[in-house]
N, C-alpha and C. Protein backbone atom coordinates (compact mmCIF):
# COMPACT_ATOMS: atom_id res chain seq x y z
N PRO A 1 -74.78 19.77 56.91
CA PRO A 1 -75.65 18.82 57.61
C PRO A 1 -77.05 18.73 57.00
N GLU A 2 -77.57 19.88 56.53
CA GLU A 2 -78.91 19.86 55.95
C GLU A 2 -78.97 19.01 54.69
N VAL A 3 -77.93 19.05 53.88
CA VAL A 3 -77.88 18.25 52.66
C VAL A 3 -77.91 16.77 53.01
N ILE A 4 -77.09 16.38 53.98
CA ILE A 4 -77.04 14.96 54.37
C ILE A 4 -78.35 14.54 55.00
N GLN A 5 -78.95 15.41 55.82
CA GLN A 5 -80.24 15.10 56.43
C GLN A 5 -81.30 14.84 55.36
N GLN A 6 -81.37 15.71 54.37
CA GLN A 6 -82.36 15.53 53.31
C GLN A 6 -82.08 14.28 52.48
N PHE A 7 -80.80 14.01 52.21
CA PHE A 7 -80.45 12.82 51.44
C PHE A 7 -80.86 11.57 52.21
N ARG A 8 -80.60 11.54 53.50
CA ARG A 8 -81.00 10.39 54.32
C ARG A 8 -82.52 10.21 54.34
N ARG A 9 -83.23 11.32 54.34
CA ARG A 9 -84.69 11.27 54.34
C ARG A 9 -85.20 10.62 53.05
N VAL A 10 -84.60 10.97 51.93
CA VAL A 10 -85.01 10.44 50.62
C VAL A 10 -84.49 9.02 50.42
N HIS A 11 -83.33 8.71 50.99
CA HIS A 11 -82.69 7.39 50.82
C HIS A 11 -82.37 6.77 52.18
N PRO A 12 -83.40 6.39 52.94
CA PRO A 12 -83.16 5.90 54.30
C PRO A 12 -82.37 4.59 54.36
N ASP A 13 -82.29 3.86 53.26
CA ASP A 13 -81.58 2.59 53.24
C ASP A 13 -80.07 2.76 53.05
N LEU A 14 -79.61 3.99 52.75
CA LEU A 14 -78.19 4.24 52.53
C LEU A 14 -77.54 4.82 53.78
N THR A 15 -76.28 4.50 53.95
CA THR A 15 -75.52 5.02 55.08
C THR A 15 -74.63 6.15 54.59
N VAL A 16 -74.70 7.27 55.28
CA VAL A 16 -73.82 8.40 54.99
C VAL A 16 -73.03 8.66 56.27
N ASP A 17 -71.73 8.37 56.19
CA ASP A 17 -70.86 8.61 57.33
C ASP A 17 -70.31 10.02 57.24
N ILE A 18 -70.17 10.66 58.38
CA ILE A 18 -69.64 12.02 58.44
C ILE A 18 -68.35 12.00 59.25
N GLN A 19 -67.30 12.57 58.66
CA GLN A 19 -66.04 12.74 59.36
C GLN A 19 -65.62 14.19 59.18
N MET A 20 -65.00 14.74 60.20
CA MET A 20 -64.55 16.11 60.12
C MET A 20 -63.03 16.14 60.17
N GLY A 21 -62.47 16.97 59.31
CA GLY A 21 -61.03 17.11 59.29
C GLY A 21 -60.64 18.40 58.61
N SER A 22 -59.36 18.66 58.57
CA SER A 22 -58.88 19.85 57.87
C SER A 22 -59.10 19.67 56.38
N VAL A 23 -58.98 20.74 55.64
CA VAL A 23 -59.12 20.68 54.19
C VAL A 23 -58.10 19.69 53.62
N GLU A 24 -56.87 19.75 54.12
CA GLU A 24 -55.84 18.84 53.63
C GLU A 24 -56.22 17.39 53.90
N GLU A 25 -56.78 17.10 55.08
CA GLU A 25 -57.19 15.73 55.41
C GLU A 25 -58.32 15.27 54.51
N VAL A 26 -59.30 16.13 54.28
CA VAL A 26 -60.44 15.75 53.43
C VAL A 26 -59.95 15.41 52.03
N TYR A 27 -59.10 16.25 51.47
CA TYR A 27 -58.55 15.96 50.13
C TYR A 27 -57.78 14.62 50.14
N ARG A 28 -56.99 14.40 51.18
CA ARG A 28 -56.21 13.14 51.27
C ARG A 28 -57.15 11.94 51.35
N TRP A 29 -58.21 12.03 52.15
CA TRP A 29 -59.16 10.91 52.28
C TRP A 29 -59.78 10.57 50.93
N VAL A 30 -60.12 11.59 50.15
CA VAL A 30 -60.71 11.34 48.83
C VAL A 30 -59.65 10.71 47.92
N ARG A 31 -58.44 11.28 47.90
CA ARG A 31 -57.36 10.74 47.04
C ARG A 31 -57.04 9.29 47.38
N GLU A 32 -57.04 8.97 48.69
CA GLU A 32 -56.68 7.62 49.13
C GLU A 32 -57.87 6.67 49.13
N ASP A 33 -59.00 7.11 48.61
CA ASP A 33 -60.21 6.29 48.50
C ASP A 33 -60.75 5.86 49.86
N LYS A 34 -60.52 6.69 50.90
CA LYS A 34 -61.08 6.42 52.22
C LYS A 34 -62.49 6.98 52.33
N THR A 35 -62.84 7.87 51.41
CA THR A 35 -64.18 8.43 51.35
C THR A 35 -64.50 8.68 49.88
N ASP A 36 -65.78 8.65 49.56
CA ASP A 36 -66.20 8.86 48.17
C ASP A 36 -66.11 10.33 47.77
N VAL A 37 -66.56 11.21 48.65
CA VAL A 37 -66.57 12.64 48.36
C VAL A 37 -66.20 13.40 49.63
N GLY A 38 -65.82 14.64 49.44
CA GLY A 38 -65.53 15.49 50.57
C GLY A 38 -66.06 16.88 50.33
N PHE A 39 -66.76 17.43 51.31
CA PHE A 39 -67.18 18.83 51.26
C PHE A 39 -66.01 19.64 51.79
N ALA A 40 -65.57 20.64 51.02
CA ALA A 40 -64.40 21.41 51.41
C ALA A 40 -64.41 22.75 50.70
N SER A 41 -63.38 23.54 50.96
CA SER A 41 -63.18 24.77 50.20
C SER A 41 -62.11 24.48 49.14
N LEU A 42 -62.26 25.10 47.99
CA LEU A 42 -61.34 24.89 46.89
C LEU A 42 -59.98 25.47 47.24
N GLN A 43 -58.94 24.68 47.02
CA GLN A 43 -57.57 25.11 47.30
C GLN A 43 -56.74 25.10 46.03
N ASP A 44 -55.78 26.00 45.97
CA ASP A 44 -54.87 26.05 44.83
C ASP A 44 -54.18 24.70 44.68
N GLY A 45 -54.04 24.26 43.44
CA GLY A 45 -53.32 23.02 43.16
C GLY A 45 -54.14 21.76 43.37
N MET A 46 -55.42 21.89 43.71
CA MET A 46 -56.27 20.72 43.91
C MET A 46 -56.48 20.06 42.55
N THR A 47 -56.27 18.75 42.47
CA THR A 47 -56.31 18.05 41.18
C THR A 47 -57.47 17.08 41.04
N MET A 48 -58.37 17.05 41.98
CA MET A 48 -59.51 16.13 41.89
C MET A 48 -60.66 16.78 41.14
N ASP A 49 -61.69 15.99 40.86
CA ASP A 49 -62.90 16.57 40.30
C ASP A 49 -63.50 17.50 41.35
N TRP A 50 -64.09 18.59 40.89
CA TRP A 50 -64.61 19.62 41.79
C TRP A 50 -65.99 20.04 41.33
N VAL A 51 -66.95 20.04 42.25
CA VAL A 51 -68.30 20.54 41.98
C VAL A 51 -68.49 21.77 42.86
N PRO A 52 -68.49 22.96 42.26
CA PRO A 52 -68.70 24.16 43.07
C PRO A 52 -70.14 24.22 43.56
N LEU A 53 -70.31 24.60 44.85
CA LEU A 53 -71.65 24.68 45.42
C LEU A 53 -72.03 26.10 45.81
N ALA A 54 -71.12 26.84 46.44
CA ALA A 54 -71.47 28.18 46.92
C ALA A 54 -70.21 28.96 47.27
N GLU A 55 -70.34 30.28 47.24
CA GLU A 55 -69.29 31.15 47.75
C GLU A 55 -69.66 31.54 49.18
N ASP A 56 -68.68 31.50 50.06
CA ASP A 56 -68.87 31.83 51.47
C ASP A 56 -67.96 33.01 51.79
N PRO A 57 -68.52 34.22 51.92
CA PRO A 57 -67.68 35.40 52.17
C PRO A 57 -66.92 35.30 53.50
N LEU A 58 -65.69 35.78 53.47
CA LEU A 58 -64.88 35.88 54.69
C LEU A 58 -65.15 37.24 55.33
N LEU A 59 -65.21 37.25 56.65
CA LEU A 59 -65.51 38.46 57.41
C LEU A 59 -64.43 38.73 58.44
N ALA A 60 -64.15 40.00 58.67
CA ALA A 60 -63.27 40.39 59.76
C ALA A 60 -64.04 40.23 61.06
N ILE A 61 -63.40 39.64 62.06
CA ILE A 61 -64.02 39.46 63.38
C ILE A 61 -63.24 40.35 64.34
N LEU A 62 -63.95 41.33 64.90
CA LEU A 62 -63.30 42.38 65.69
C LEU A 62 -63.97 42.50 67.06
N PRO A 63 -63.20 42.93 68.06
CA PRO A 63 -63.79 43.14 69.39
C PRO A 63 -64.92 44.18 69.33
N PRO A 64 -65.84 44.14 70.27
CA PRO A 64 -66.99 45.05 70.23
C PRO A 64 -66.58 46.53 70.28
N GLU A 65 -65.46 46.84 70.93
CA GLU A 65 -65.06 48.24 71.08
C GLU A 65 -64.14 48.72 69.95
N TYR A 66 -63.86 47.87 68.96
CA TYR A 66 -62.95 48.25 67.87
C TYR A 66 -63.54 49.44 67.12
N ASP A 67 -62.77 50.51 66.98
CA ASP A 67 -63.23 51.73 66.32
C ASP A 67 -63.06 51.62 64.81
N LEU A 68 -64.17 51.57 64.12
CA LEU A 68 -64.16 51.45 62.66
C LEU A 68 -64.28 52.80 61.98
N GLY A 69 -64.44 53.85 62.75
CA GLY A 69 -64.57 55.17 62.15
C GLY A 69 -65.75 55.29 61.21
N GLY A 70 -66.83 54.57 61.51
CA GLY A 70 -68.04 54.65 60.70
C GLY A 70 -68.03 53.78 59.45
N ARG A 71 -66.95 53.07 59.19
CA ARG A 71 -66.89 52.22 57.99
C ARG A 71 -67.77 50.99 58.16
N ASP A 72 -68.30 50.49 57.05
CA ASP A 72 -69.11 49.27 57.08
C ASP A 72 -68.36 48.09 56.46
N ARG A 73 -67.08 48.30 56.12
CA ARG A 73 -66.20 47.26 55.61
C ARG A 73 -64.86 47.38 56.34
N PHE A 74 -64.15 46.27 56.39
CA PHE A 74 -62.84 46.28 57.05
C PHE A 74 -61.78 46.07 55.99
N ASN A 75 -60.86 47.01 55.89
CA ASN A 75 -59.77 46.89 54.93
C ASN A 75 -58.80 45.80 55.39
N VAL A 76 -58.52 44.86 54.51
CA VAL A 76 -57.62 43.77 54.86
C VAL A 76 -56.27 44.31 55.33
N GLU A 77 -55.83 45.41 54.75
CA GLU A 77 -54.55 46.01 55.15
C GLU A 77 -54.53 46.38 56.64
N ASP A 78 -55.70 46.62 57.22
CA ASP A 78 -55.77 47.00 58.63
C ASP A 78 -55.43 45.85 59.59
N PHE A 79 -55.32 44.64 59.06
CA PHE A 79 -54.87 43.51 59.89
C PHE A 79 -53.37 43.60 60.17
N ALA A 80 -52.65 44.35 59.34
CA ALA A 80 -51.19 44.43 59.46
C ALA A 80 -50.78 44.84 60.87
N GLY A 81 -49.86 44.08 61.45
CA GLY A 81 -49.33 44.39 62.76
C GLY A 81 -50.23 44.05 63.94
N GLN A 82 -51.45 43.59 63.69
CA GLN A 82 -52.38 43.27 64.78
C GLN A 82 -52.21 41.82 65.24
N GLU A 83 -52.58 41.57 66.51
CA GLU A 83 -52.64 40.20 67.02
C GLU A 83 -53.78 39.50 66.29
N PHE A 84 -53.44 38.51 65.47
CA PHE A 84 -54.42 37.82 64.63
C PHE A 84 -54.55 36.39 65.10
N LEU A 85 -55.75 36.01 65.53
CA LEU A 85 -56.01 34.65 66.04
C LEU A 85 -56.38 33.76 64.85
N MET A 86 -55.47 32.87 64.50
CA MET A 86 -55.65 32.02 63.32
C MET A 86 -56.44 30.76 63.69
N PRO A 87 -57.61 30.59 63.09
CA PRO A 87 -58.38 29.37 63.34
C PRO A 87 -57.61 28.13 62.88
N SER A 88 -57.99 26.99 63.41
CA SER A 88 -57.33 25.73 63.05
C SER A 88 -58.17 24.95 62.05
N LEU A 89 -57.86 23.70 61.88
CA LEU A 89 -58.55 22.76 60.99
C LEU A 89 -58.55 23.18 59.53
N GLY A 90 -57.44 23.71 59.04
CA GLY A 90 -57.32 23.97 57.62
C GLY A 90 -57.96 25.24 57.14
N PHE A 91 -58.79 25.88 57.96
CA PHE A 91 -59.44 27.13 57.54
C PHE A 91 -58.39 28.21 57.31
N HIS A 92 -57.22 28.00 57.89
CA HIS A 92 -56.14 28.98 57.75
C HIS A 92 -55.74 29.17 56.29
N LEU A 93 -55.91 28.16 55.46
CA LEU A 93 -55.53 28.28 54.05
C LEU A 93 -56.35 29.34 53.33
N ASP A 94 -57.66 29.37 53.60
CA ASP A 94 -58.53 30.38 52.99
C ASP A 94 -58.17 31.78 53.49
N ILE A 95 -57.85 31.87 54.77
CA ILE A 95 -57.49 33.16 55.37
C ILE A 95 -56.15 33.66 54.83
N LEU A 96 -55.17 32.76 54.78
CA LEU A 96 -53.86 33.16 54.28
C LEU A 96 -53.94 33.65 52.83
N ARG A 97 -54.79 33.03 52.03
CA ARG A 97 -54.97 33.47 50.64
C ARG A 97 -55.46 34.92 50.61
N ALA A 98 -56.44 35.24 51.48
CA ALA A 98 -56.97 36.61 51.52
C ALA A 98 -55.91 37.60 52.00
N LEU A 99 -55.14 37.21 53.00
CA LEU A 99 -54.09 38.10 53.52
C LEU A 99 -52.97 38.28 52.50
N ASN A 100 -52.53 37.18 51.88
CA ASN A 100 -51.44 37.25 50.92
C ASN A 100 -51.82 38.05 49.68
N ARG A 101 -53.07 37.93 49.27
CA ARG A 101 -53.53 38.68 48.09
C ARG A 101 -53.37 40.18 48.31
N SER A 102 -53.51 40.61 49.56
CA SER A 102 -53.36 42.03 49.90
C SER A 102 -51.98 42.33 50.46
N ASN A 103 -51.08 41.33 50.45
CA ASN A 103 -49.71 41.49 50.93
C ASN A 103 -49.68 42.03 52.37
N VAL A 104 -50.50 41.41 53.24
CA VAL A 104 -50.65 41.84 54.63
C VAL A 104 -50.04 40.78 55.56
N THR A 105 -49.33 41.24 56.57
CA THR A 105 -48.72 40.34 57.55
C THR A 105 -49.12 40.77 58.96
N PRO A 106 -50.18 40.17 59.48
CA PRO A 106 -50.50 40.43 60.89
C PRO A 106 -49.57 39.62 61.79
N VAL A 107 -49.68 39.82 63.08
CA VAL A 107 -48.93 39.01 64.06
C VAL A 107 -49.80 37.77 64.32
N ILE A 108 -49.50 36.71 63.60
CA ILE A 108 -50.37 35.52 63.64
C ILE A 108 -50.10 34.70 64.88
N ARG A 109 -51.18 34.42 65.60
CA ARG A 109 -51.16 33.54 66.76
C ARG A 109 -51.93 32.29 66.36
N THR A 110 -51.21 31.22 66.03
CA THR A 110 -51.85 29.97 65.64
C THR A 110 -52.55 29.38 66.85
N THR A 111 -53.75 28.89 66.63
CA THR A 111 -54.52 28.31 67.72
C THR A 111 -54.89 26.87 67.39
N GLN A 112 -55.25 26.14 68.38
CA GLN A 112 -55.78 24.79 68.22
C GLN A 112 -57.14 24.73 68.91
N VAL A 113 -57.95 25.75 68.67
CA VAL A 113 -59.25 25.85 69.33
C VAL A 113 -60.35 25.96 68.28
N SER A 114 -61.57 25.76 68.72
CA SER A 114 -62.72 25.81 67.82
C SER A 114 -63.02 27.26 67.42
N ASP A 115 -63.85 27.38 66.39
CA ASP A 115 -64.28 28.70 65.94
C ASP A 115 -64.98 29.46 67.07
N SER A 116 -65.76 28.76 67.89
CA SER A 116 -66.46 29.39 69.01
C SER A 116 -65.47 30.01 69.99
N VAL A 117 -64.36 29.33 70.23
CA VAL A 117 -63.36 29.86 71.15
C VAL A 117 -62.66 31.06 70.53
N ILE A 118 -62.38 31.00 69.23
CA ILE A 118 -61.78 32.15 68.54
C ILE A 118 -62.69 33.37 68.73
N ILE A 119 -63.98 33.20 68.51
CA ILE A 119 -64.93 34.30 68.64
C ILE A 119 -64.92 34.85 70.06
N SER A 120 -64.90 33.95 71.04
CA SER A 120 -64.87 34.39 72.44
C SER A 120 -63.58 35.15 72.74
N MET A 121 -62.47 34.69 72.20
CA MET A 121 -61.19 35.37 72.43
C MET A 121 -61.22 36.78 71.84
N VAL A 122 -61.77 36.91 70.64
CA VAL A 122 -61.90 38.24 70.01
C VAL A 122 -62.82 39.10 70.85
N GLU A 123 -63.94 38.53 71.28
CA GLU A 123 -64.91 39.26 72.11
C GLU A 123 -64.25 39.83 73.36
N HIS A 124 -63.26 39.12 73.90
CA HIS A 124 -62.58 39.56 75.12
C HIS A 124 -61.30 40.34 74.83
N GLY A 125 -61.15 40.80 73.59
CA GLY A 125 -60.06 41.70 73.26
C GLY A 125 -58.69 41.07 73.13
N LEU A 126 -58.63 39.75 72.90
CA LEU A 126 -57.34 39.07 72.80
C LEU A 126 -56.75 39.10 71.40
N GLY A 127 -57.44 39.73 70.47
CA GLY A 127 -56.96 39.81 69.11
C GLY A 127 -58.12 39.98 68.14
N VAL A 128 -57.79 39.90 66.86
CA VAL A 128 -58.78 39.96 65.80
C VAL A 128 -58.68 38.67 65.00
N SER A 129 -59.64 38.42 64.13
CA SER A 129 -59.59 37.20 63.33
C SER A 129 -60.39 37.38 62.05
N MET A 130 -60.50 36.29 61.32
CA MET A 130 -61.29 36.26 60.10
C MET A 130 -61.98 34.90 60.07
N LEU A 131 -63.28 34.91 59.86
CA LEU A 131 -64.07 33.69 59.74
C LEU A 131 -65.05 33.87 58.58
N SER A 132 -65.73 32.82 58.23
CA SER A 132 -66.68 32.92 57.12
C SER A 132 -68.09 33.22 57.62
N ARG A 133 -68.89 33.73 56.72
CA ARG A 133 -70.29 34.02 57.05
C ARG A 133 -71.00 32.75 57.50
N LEU A 134 -70.73 31.63 56.85
CA LEU A 134 -71.36 30.37 57.20
C LEU A 134 -71.03 29.95 58.63
N VAL A 135 -69.78 30.13 59.04
CA VAL A 135 -69.36 29.78 60.40
C VAL A 135 -70.09 30.65 61.42
N LEU A 136 -70.33 31.91 61.07
CA LEU A 136 -70.95 32.85 62.00
C LEU A 136 -72.48 32.83 61.98
N GLN A 137 -73.05 32.16 61.01
CA GLN A 137 -74.50 32.15 60.85
C GLN A 137 -75.22 31.71 62.13
N GLY A 138 -76.15 32.54 62.57
CA GLY A 138 -76.97 32.22 63.73
C GLY A 138 -76.32 32.51 65.07
N ARG A 139 -75.11 33.01 65.09
CA ARG A 139 -74.41 33.30 66.35
C ARG A 139 -74.81 34.69 66.84
N GLN A 140 -74.84 34.86 68.13
CA GLN A 140 -75.20 36.14 68.73
C GLN A 140 -74.09 36.65 69.65
N ASP A 141 -72.86 36.44 69.26
CA ASP A 141 -71.74 36.87 70.09
C ASP A 141 -71.58 38.38 70.04
N ASP A 142 -70.87 38.91 71.02
CA ASP A 142 -70.64 40.35 71.09
C ASP A 142 -69.33 40.69 70.39
N VAL A 143 -69.31 40.49 69.06
CA VAL A 143 -68.17 40.87 68.23
C VAL A 143 -68.71 41.63 67.02
N GLN A 144 -67.84 42.34 66.35
CA GLN A 144 -68.20 42.98 65.10
C GLN A 144 -67.74 42.06 63.97
N ALA A 145 -68.61 41.76 63.05
CA ALA A 145 -68.28 40.93 61.89
C ALA A 145 -68.57 41.76 60.65
N LEU A 146 -67.51 42.10 59.92
CA LEU A 146 -67.65 42.98 58.76
C LEU A 146 -67.09 42.36 57.50
N PRO A 147 -67.72 42.67 56.36
CA PRO A 147 -67.16 42.22 55.09
C PRO A 147 -65.78 42.84 54.88
N LEU A 148 -64.97 42.17 54.12
CA LEU A 148 -63.61 42.63 53.85
C LEU A 148 -63.55 43.47 52.59
N ALA A 149 -62.57 44.36 52.57
CA ALA A 149 -62.27 45.12 51.36
C ALA A 149 -60.77 44.94 51.12
N PRO A 150 -60.35 44.34 50.01
CA PRO A 150 -61.21 43.82 48.96
C PRO A 150 -61.96 42.57 49.43
N ARG A 151 -63.08 42.32 48.76
CA ARG A 151 -63.92 41.18 49.08
C ARG A 151 -63.11 39.90 48.99
N ALA A 152 -63.34 39.00 49.93
CA ALA A 152 -62.68 37.69 49.93
C ALA A 152 -63.72 36.62 50.23
N VAL A 153 -63.65 35.54 49.49
CA VAL A 153 -64.59 34.43 49.68
C VAL A 153 -63.81 33.12 49.65
N ARG A 154 -64.45 32.11 50.19
CA ARG A 154 -63.94 30.75 49.97
C ARG A 154 -65.01 30.04 49.14
N GLU A 155 -64.55 29.30 48.14
CA GLU A 155 -65.49 28.56 47.30
C GLU A 155 -65.69 27.19 47.92
N LEU A 156 -66.92 26.90 48.29
CA LEU A 156 -67.26 25.61 48.88
C LEU A 156 -67.76 24.67 47.80
N GLY A 157 -67.43 23.40 47.93
CA GLY A 157 -67.86 22.45 46.92
C GLY A 157 -67.59 21.03 47.36
N ILE A 158 -67.67 20.15 46.38
CA ILE A 158 -67.48 18.72 46.62
C ILE A 158 -66.27 18.25 45.81
N ALA A 159 -65.32 17.64 46.50
CA ALA A 159 -64.15 17.04 45.85
C ALA A 159 -64.40 15.55 45.72
N SER A 160 -64.01 14.99 44.58
CA SER A 160 -64.16 13.55 44.37
C SER A 160 -63.11 13.06 43.39
N ARG A 161 -63.00 11.75 43.32
CA ARG A 161 -62.22 11.16 42.24
C ARG A 161 -63.01 11.41 40.95
N PRO A 162 -62.45 11.07 39.78
CA PRO A 162 -63.21 11.29 38.54
C PRO A 162 -64.61 10.69 38.62
N ARG A 163 -65.59 11.45 38.19
CA ARG A 163 -66.99 11.00 38.33
C ARG A 163 -67.23 9.65 37.67
N ARG A 164 -66.57 9.40 36.56
CA ARG A 164 -66.79 8.12 35.86
C ARG A 164 -66.38 6.94 36.74
N ASP A 165 -65.49 7.18 37.74
CA ASP A 165 -65.02 6.11 38.62
C ASP A 165 -65.91 5.94 39.85
N LEU A 166 -66.89 6.82 40.03
CA LEU A 166 -67.74 6.77 41.22
C LEU A 166 -68.92 5.83 41.00
N ARG A 167 -69.37 5.23 42.08
CA ARG A 167 -70.57 4.39 42.02
C ARG A 167 -71.78 5.27 41.67
N PRO A 168 -72.77 4.69 41.02
CA PRO A 168 -73.96 5.48 40.62
C PRO A 168 -74.61 6.22 41.78
N MET A 169 -74.67 5.64 42.98
CA MET A 169 -75.33 6.31 44.10
C MET A 169 -74.51 7.50 44.58
N VAL A 170 -73.20 7.44 44.44
CA VAL A 170 -72.37 8.57 44.83
C VAL A 170 -72.59 9.72 43.84
N ARG A 171 -72.67 9.38 42.55
CA ARG A 171 -72.97 10.42 41.54
C ARG A 171 -74.35 11.03 41.81
N ARG A 172 -75.28 10.21 42.22
CA ARG A 172 -76.62 10.70 42.55
C ARG A 172 -76.58 11.63 43.76
N PHE A 173 -75.78 11.25 44.78
CA PHE A 173 -75.63 12.10 45.96
C PHE A 173 -75.10 13.48 45.56
N ILE A 174 -74.10 13.51 44.69
CA ILE A 174 -73.52 14.79 44.25
C ILE A 174 -74.58 15.62 43.53
N ALA A 175 -75.33 15.00 42.62
CA ALA A 175 -76.37 15.72 41.88
C ALA A 175 -77.45 16.26 42.81
N GLU A 176 -77.87 15.45 43.78
CA GLU A 176 -78.90 15.90 44.71
C GLU A 176 -78.37 16.99 45.63
N ALA A 177 -77.10 16.90 46.03
CA ALA A 177 -76.51 17.95 46.86
C ALA A 177 -76.50 19.27 46.10
N GLU A 178 -76.15 19.23 44.82
CA GLU A 178 -76.16 20.46 44.00
C GLU A 178 -77.56 21.07 43.97
N GLU A 179 -78.58 20.24 43.75
CA GLU A 179 -79.96 20.72 43.69
C GLU A 179 -80.39 21.33 45.02
N MET A 180 -80.05 20.67 46.13
CA MET A 180 -80.44 21.15 47.46
C MET A 180 -79.79 22.49 47.77
N ILE A 181 -78.52 22.63 47.44
CA ILE A 181 -77.80 23.87 47.72
C ILE A 181 -78.39 25.02 46.91
N GLU A 182 -78.76 24.76 45.67
CA GLU A 182 -79.38 25.81 44.84
C GLU A 182 -80.66 26.33 45.46
N LYS A 183 -81.42 25.46 46.15
CA LYS A 183 -82.70 25.85 46.74
C LYS A 183 -82.54 26.55 48.08
N MET A 184 -81.36 26.45 48.70
CA MET A 184 -81.15 27.04 50.03
C MET A 184 -80.95 28.53 49.94
């Protein structure tokens, strides 16, 4: 939102529409020319142009009473066999990559709820989960959020059709978004 806010401030005569969808939907919208660009996380097999913007670490989300035995990191293997609340809207792809990389199979409970509800469910002892640092930024919930071991991140960036096919203002938007993210 901050990138779009700053772009609108510099270019008040341009319209920037915002739509929210799963990663799969965002990629489809770009492929089908329903949108010029999409902010998303990089997925395996993605064939569009990609502008990397930032790495967003994934964190274990645990109930307040979860005993970590003094550890400051959560071993991904420790998800095995636990009730795991899977966030919706495509974020599951980033989580599954982290779990599969460690060959871990928790008891996945697919949800159709917001990240805030996932956090509340974990807070009330209904399971554990994994979310990104960006999603948790500024939240004051009563959960434990710990980095994972091994470290897992999602790469955030901009997906688009080939840059040469984009209108000049769209190319400018991408360049300015890159500059703004570097300064944040």
